[in-house]
Amino acid sequence: MREMRWKGEGPRVRVVVFSKDRAFQLGQYLRTLLARSRGATLDVHVLFRAASSVDEQKGTARDFEESYARVQAAFPTVSFERETDFALQVTSTTGRCAGGLWT
């Protein structure tokens, strides 16, 4: 995982964001978070999951994958990780910090 995403003058905050099939909303959240957190050093980590079949959502799996790829390209300082083992990934992400913001 990359370190120190957004360097500010204030405290360091690790932000863990969960997203499933909502790439647009994720992009808007990240845009707002980075714009409004000017006083802190942010380490933003996104754990995302795109639908694996058409049955999971009205769109197709490919549509969700492409949407997340666009969000990743728009926020190169944010760490993105595809969900494969939720419990393991969350504990490995949060286990390295004393505190954080869960969103």
N, C-alpha and C. Protein backbone atom coordinates (compact mmCIF):
# COMPACT_ATOMS: atom_id res chain seq x y z
N MET A 1 0.84 -1.17 0.00
CA MET A 1 0.00 0.00 0.00
C MET A 1 0.88 1.24 0.00
N ARG A 2 0.47 2.24 -0.73
CA ARG A 2 1.21 3.49 -0.77
C ARG A 2 1.02 4.26 0.54
N GLU A 3 1.96 5.08 0.88
CA GLU A 3 1.88 5.86 2.12
C GLU A 3 1.54 7.32 1.82
N MET A 4 0.99 7.99 2.82
CA MET A 4 0.73 9.43 2.83
C MET A 4 0.16 9.96 1.52
N ARG A 5 -1.12 9.91 1.40
CA ARG A 5 -1.79 10.31 0.18
C ARG A 5 -1.91 11.82 0.00
N TRP A 6 -2.27 12.51 1.04
CA TRP A 6 -2.52 13.94 0.95
C TRP A 6 -1.77 14.60 2.08
N LYS A 7 -0.81 15.42 1.78
CA LYS A 7 0.03 15.99 2.83
C LYS A 7 -0.47 17.36 3.24
N GLY A 8 -0.87 17.46 4.48
CA GLY A 8 -1.32 18.71 5.06
C GLY A 8 -0.48 19.03 6.28
N GLU A 9 -0.88 20.04 7.00
CA GLU A 9 -0.13 20.47 8.18
C GLU A 9 -0.61 19.79 9.45
N GLY A 10 -1.82 19.27 9.44
CA GLY A 10 -2.42 18.73 10.66
C GLY A 10 -2.14 17.26 10.87
N PRO A 11 -3.07 16.60 11.55
CA PRO A 11 -2.88 15.20 11.91
C PRO A 11 -2.92 14.26 10.70
N ARG A 12 -2.33 13.09 10.89
CA ARG A 12 -2.38 12.07 9.85
C ARG A 12 -3.61 11.20 10.11
N VAL A 13 -4.40 10.98 9.05
CA VAL A 13 -5.63 10.20 9.17
C VAL A 13 -5.65 9.15 8.06
N ARG A 14 -5.86 7.90 8.45
CA ARG A 14 -6.07 6.85 7.46
C ARG A 14 -7.57 6.74 7.23
N VAL A 15 -7.97 6.82 5.97
CA VAL A 15 -9.38 6.74 5.60
C VAL A 15 -9.58 5.46 4.81
N VAL A 16 -10.44 4.59 5.32
CA VAL A 16 -10.76 3.34 4.64
C VAL A 16 -12.17 3.48 4.09
N VAL A 17 -12.30 3.32 2.78
CA VAL A 17 -13.58 3.50 2.10
C VAL A 17 -13.99 2.17 1.48
N PHE A 18 -15.25 1.79 1.69
CA PHE A 18 -15.79 0.56 1.11
C PHE A 18 -16.74 0.94 -0.01
N SER A 19 -16.64 0.23 -1.14
CA SER A 19 -17.51 0.56 -2.26
C SER A 19 -17.85 -0.72 -3.03
N LYS A 20 -19.13 -0.86 -3.36
CA LYS A 20 -19.56 -1.98 -4.19
C LYS A 20 -20.50 -1.44 -5.27
N ASP A 21 -20.08 -1.53 -6.50
CA ASP A 21 -20.88 -1.15 -7.66
C ASP A 21 -21.37 0.29 -7.61
N ARG A 22 -20.61 1.17 -7.02
CA ARG A 22 -20.99 2.57 -6.92
C ARG A 22 -19.78 3.47 -7.22
N ALA A 23 -19.20 3.29 -8.37
CA ALA A 23 -18.00 4.03 -8.73
C ALA A 23 -18.25 5.54 -8.83
N PHE A 24 -19.38 5.93 -9.38
CA PHE A 24 -19.67 7.36 -9.49
C PHE A 24 -19.73 8.01 -8.10
N GLN A 25 -20.48 7.39 -7.20
CA GLN A 25 -20.60 7.93 -5.85
C GLN A 25 -19.25 7.95 -5.14
N LEU A 26 -18.44 6.93 -5.38
CA LEU A 26 -17.09 6.89 -4.81
C LEU A 26 -16.27 8.06 -5.31
N GLY A 27 -16.32 8.32 -6.60
CA GLY A 27 -15.57 9.44 -7.16
C GLY A 27 -15.99 10.77 -6.56
N GLN A 28 -17.28 10.97 -6.37
CA GLN A 28 -17.77 12.21 -5.77
C GLN A 28 -17.34 12.33 -4.31
N TYR A 29 -17.39 11.21 -3.60
CA TYR A 29 -16.94 11.21 -2.20
C TYR A 29 -15.46 11.57 -2.11
N LEU A 30 -14.63 10.94 -2.94
CA LEU A 30 -13.19 11.22 -2.90
C LEU A 30 -12.90 12.67 -3.25
N ARG A 31 -13.60 13.20 -4.24
CA ARG A 31 -13.41 14.60 -4.63
C ARG A 31 -13.72 15.52 -3.44
N THR A 32 -14.82 15.26 -2.76
CA THR A 32 -15.21 16.08 -1.61
C THR A 32 -14.24 15.91 -0.44
N LEU A 33 -13.87 14.67 -0.15
CA LEU A 33 -12.95 14.39 0.95
C LEU A 33 -11.63 15.14 0.76
N LEU A 34 -11.05 15.03 -0.42
CA LEU A 34 -9.76 15.67 -0.66
C LEU A 34 -9.87 17.19 -0.69
N ALA A 35 -11.00 17.71 -1.17
CA ALA A 35 -11.18 19.16 -1.22
C ALA A 35 -11.39 19.76 0.16
N ARG A 36 -12.03 19.03 1.05
CA ARG A 36 -12.41 19.57 2.36
C ARG A 36 -11.46 19.18 3.49
N SER A 37 -10.43 18.43 3.21
CA SER A 37 -9.51 17.95 4.25
C SER A 37 -8.15 18.60 4.13
N ARG A 38 -8.11 19.84 3.86
CA ARG A 38 -6.85 20.54 3.61
C ARG A 38 -5.91 20.61 4.80
N GLY A 39 -6.39 20.42 6.01
CA GLY A 39 -5.52 20.57 7.16
C GLY A 39 -4.89 19.28 7.65
N ALA A 40 -5.22 18.15 7.02
CA ALA A 40 -4.75 16.85 7.51
C ALA A 40 -3.90 16.15 6.47
N THR A 41 -3.12 15.19 6.93
CA THR A 41 -2.39 14.30 6.03
C THR A 41 -3.24 13.04 5.90
N LEU A 42 -3.74 12.79 4.70
CA LEU A 42 -4.64 11.67 4.47
C LEU A 42 -3.94 10.50 3.79
N ASP A 43 -4.24 9.33 4.26
CA ASP A 43 -3.80 8.08 3.64
C ASP A 43 -5.10 7.35 3.29
N VAL A 44 -5.56 7.49 2.05
CA VAL A 44 -6.87 7.00 1.64
C VAL A 44 -6.72 5.65 0.95
N HIS A 45 -7.49 4.68 1.45
CA HIS A 45 -7.46 3.33 0.91
C HIS A 45 -8.89 2.92 0.58
N VAL A 46 -9.13 2.53 -0.68
CA VAL A 46 -10.46 2.10 -1.12
C VAL A 46 -10.45 0.59 -1.32
N LEU A 47 -11.38 -0.07 -0.67
CA LEU A 47 -11.60 -1.50 -0.86
C LEU A 47 -12.90 -1.61 -1.66
N PHE A 48 -12.79 -2.08 -2.93
CA PHE A 48 -13.96 -2.06 -3.79
C PHE A 48 -14.28 -3.44 -4.34
N ARG A 49 -15.53 -3.55 -4.74
CA ARG A 49 -16.00 -4.79 -5.36
C ARG A 49 -16.94 -4.42 -6.50
N ALA A 50 -16.66 -4.95 -7.68
CA ALA A 50 -17.53 -4.75 -8.83
C ALA A 50 -18.34 -6.02 -9.03
N ALA A 51 -19.57 -5.86 -9.48
CA ALA A 51 -20.45 -7.01 -9.69
C ALA A 51 -19.76 -8.05 -10.57
N SER A 52 -19.93 -9.31 -10.20
CA SER A 52 -19.30 -10.37 -10.98
C SER A 52 -20.24 -10.97 -12.01
N SER A 53 -21.51 -10.58 -11.97
CA SER A 53 -22.45 -11.07 -12.98
C SER A 53 -23.55 -10.05 -13.19
N VAL A 54 -24.26 -10.18 -14.30
CA VAL A 54 -25.35 -9.28 -14.61
C VAL A 54 -26.45 -9.40 -13.56
N ASP A 55 -26.62 -10.55 -12.95
CA ASP A 55 -27.67 -10.77 -11.97
C ASP A 55 -27.49 -9.93 -10.71
N GLU A 56 -26.26 -9.52 -10.39
CA GLU A 56 -26.01 -8.76 -9.18
C GLU A 56 -26.53 -7.33 -9.27
N GLN A 57 -26.54 -6.76 -10.43
CA GLN A 57 -27.03 -5.40 -10.64
C GLN A 57 -27.62 -5.30 -12.04
N LYS A 58 -28.23 -4.18 -12.36
CA LYS A 58 -28.83 -4.01 -13.68
C LYS A 58 -27.80 -3.81 -14.77
N GLY A 59 -26.63 -3.30 -14.43
CA GLY A 59 -25.58 -3.13 -15.42
C GLY A 59 -24.84 -4.44 -15.64
N THR A 60 -23.77 -4.37 -16.38
CA THR A 60 -22.96 -5.56 -16.57
C THR A 60 -21.69 -5.44 -15.76
N ALA A 61 -21.05 -6.56 -15.50
CA ALA A 61 -19.80 -6.55 -14.74
C ALA A 61 -18.76 -5.68 -15.43
N ARG A 62 -18.71 -5.73 -16.73
CA ARG A 62 -17.73 -4.94 -17.46
C ARG A 62 -17.96 -3.44 -17.23
N ASP A 63 -19.23 -3.02 -17.20
CA ASP A 63 -19.53 -1.61 -16.94
C ASP A 63 -18.96 -1.17 -15.60
N PHE A 64 -19.13 -1.98 -14.58
CA PHE A 64 -18.63 -1.62 -13.25
C PHE A 64 -17.11 -1.58 -13.23
N GLU A 65 -16.47 -2.52 -13.88
CA GLU A 65 -15.01 -2.54 -13.93
C GLU A 65 -14.48 -1.27 -14.60
N GLU A 66 -15.08 -0.89 -15.70
CA GLU A 66 -14.65 0.31 -16.41
C GLU A 66 -14.85 1.57 -15.58
N SER A 67 -15.96 1.62 -14.86
CA SER A 67 -16.23 2.78 -14.01
C SER A 67 -15.19 2.92 -12.90
N TYR A 68 -14.84 1.81 -12.26
CA TYR A 68 -13.81 1.87 -11.22
C TYR A 68 -12.46 2.23 -11.80
N ALA A 69 -12.16 1.78 -13.00
CA ALA A 69 -10.90 2.13 -13.65
C ALA A 69 -10.81 3.64 -13.89
N ARG A 70 -11.93 4.25 -14.26
CA ARG A 70 -11.95 5.71 -14.45
C ARG A 70 -11.73 6.45 -13.13
N VAL A 71 -12.32 5.96 -12.06
CA VAL A 71 -12.12 6.60 -10.76
C VAL A 71 -10.67 6.46 -10.32
N GLN A 72 -10.09 5.30 -10.51
CA GLN A 72 -8.68 5.10 -10.16
C GLN A 72 -7.78 6.05 -10.93
N ALA A 73 -8.06 6.24 -12.20
CA ALA A 73 -7.25 7.15 -13.01
C ALA A 73 -7.40 8.60 -12.55
N ALA A 74 -8.58 8.95 -12.06
CA ALA A 74 -8.83 10.32 -11.62
C ALA A 74 -8.19 10.64 -10.27
N PHE A 75 -7.90 9.60 -9.47
CA PHE A 75 -7.34 9.79 -8.13
C PHE A 75 -6.09 8.94 -7.96
N PRO A 76 -5.00 9.31 -8.62
CA PRO A 76 -3.78 8.49 -8.58
C PRO A 76 -3.11 8.44 -7.21
N THR A 77 -3.44 9.34 -6.30
CA THR A 77 -2.82 9.33 -4.97
C THR A 77 -3.58 8.47 -3.98
N VAL A 78 -4.71 7.90 -4.40
CA VAL A 78 -5.51 7.04 -3.54
C VAL A 78 -5.19 5.59 -3.85
N SER A 79 -5.08 4.79 -2.82
CA SER A 79 -4.79 3.36 -2.98
C SER A 79 -6.10 2.60 -3.17
N PHE A 80 -6.20 1.81 -4.25
CA PHE A 80 -7.38 1.01 -4.54
C PHE A 80 -7.02 -0.47 -4.46
N GLU A 81 -7.91 -1.24 -3.87
CA GLU A 81 -7.69 -2.68 -3.76
C GLU A 81 -9.02 -3.40 -4.01
N ARG A 82 -9.00 -4.34 -4.95
CA ARG A 82 -10.19 -5.14 -5.24
C ARG A 82 -10.44 -6.10 -4.08
N GLU A 83 -11.68 -6.17 -3.63
CA GLU A 83 -12.03 -7.05 -2.52
C GLU A 83 -11.94 -8.52 -2.96
N THR A 84 -11.15 -9.28 -2.21
CA THR A 84 -11.05 -10.73 -2.44
C THR A 84 -11.32 -11.50 -1.15
N ASP A 85 -10.85 -10.96 -0.03
CA ASP A 85 -11.08 -11.55 1.28
C ASP A 85 -11.31 -10.40 2.25
N PHE A 86 -12.57 -10.01 2.41
CA PHE A 86 -12.92 -8.78 3.12
C PHE A 86 -12.28 -8.71 4.50
N ALA A 87 -12.49 -9.71 5.32
CA ALA A 87 -11.98 -9.67 6.70
C ALA A 87 -10.46 -9.52 6.73
N LEU A 88 -9.77 -10.29 5.94
CA LEU A 88 -8.30 -10.22 5.91
C LEU A 88 -7.83 -8.86 5.41
N GLN A 89 -8.44 -8.36 4.37
CA GLN A 89 -8.03 -7.08 3.81
C GLN A 89 -8.29 -5.92 4.77
N VAL A 90 -9.41 -5.96 5.45
CA VAL A 90 -9.72 -4.88 6.40
C VAL A 90 -8.74 -4.91 7.57
N THR A 91 -8.50 -6.08 8.12
CA THR A 91 -7.57 -6.14 9.26
C THR A 91 -6.16 -5.79 8.85
N SER A 92 -5.73 -6.16 7.67
CA SER A 92 -4.37 -5.80 7.25
C SER A 92 -4.26 -4.31 6.96
N THR A 93 -5.33 -3.69 6.50
CA THR A 93 -5.32 -2.26 6.23
C THR A 93 -5.38 -1.45 7.51
N THR A 94 -6.24 -1.83 8.43
CA THR A 94 -6.43 -1.05 9.65
C THR A 94 -5.44 -1.42 10.75
N GLY A 95 -4.84 -2.58 10.67
CA GLY A 95 -3.93 -3.03 11.71
C GLY A 95 -2.65 -2.23 11.79
N ARG A 96 -2.36 -1.45 10.76
CA ARG A 96 -1.12 -0.69 10.73
C ARG A 96 -1.26 0.73 11.25
N CYS A 97 -2.44 1.08 11.78
CA CYS A 97 -2.61 2.46 12.24
C CYS A 97 -3.32 2.49 13.58
N ALA A 98 -3.10 3.57 14.31
CA ALA A 98 -3.71 3.71 15.63
C ALA A 98 -5.15 4.17 15.55
N GLY A 99 -5.50 4.89 14.52
CA GLY A 99 -6.87 5.39 14.37
C GLY A 99 -7.19 5.59 12.92
N GLY A 100 -8.43 5.93 12.63
CA GLY A 100 -8.78 6.15 11.24
C GLY A 100 -10.22 6.60 11.11
N LEU A 101 -10.62 6.83 9.88
CA LEU A 101 -11.97 7.23 9.55
C LEU A 101 -12.57 6.16 8.67
N TRP A 102 -13.67 5.56 9.12
CA TRP A 102 -14.35 4.51 8.35
C TRP A 102 -15.49 5.13 7.60
N THR A 103 -15.53 4.92 6.29
CA THR A 103 -16.63 5.48 5.49
C THR A 103 -17.18 4.45 4.55
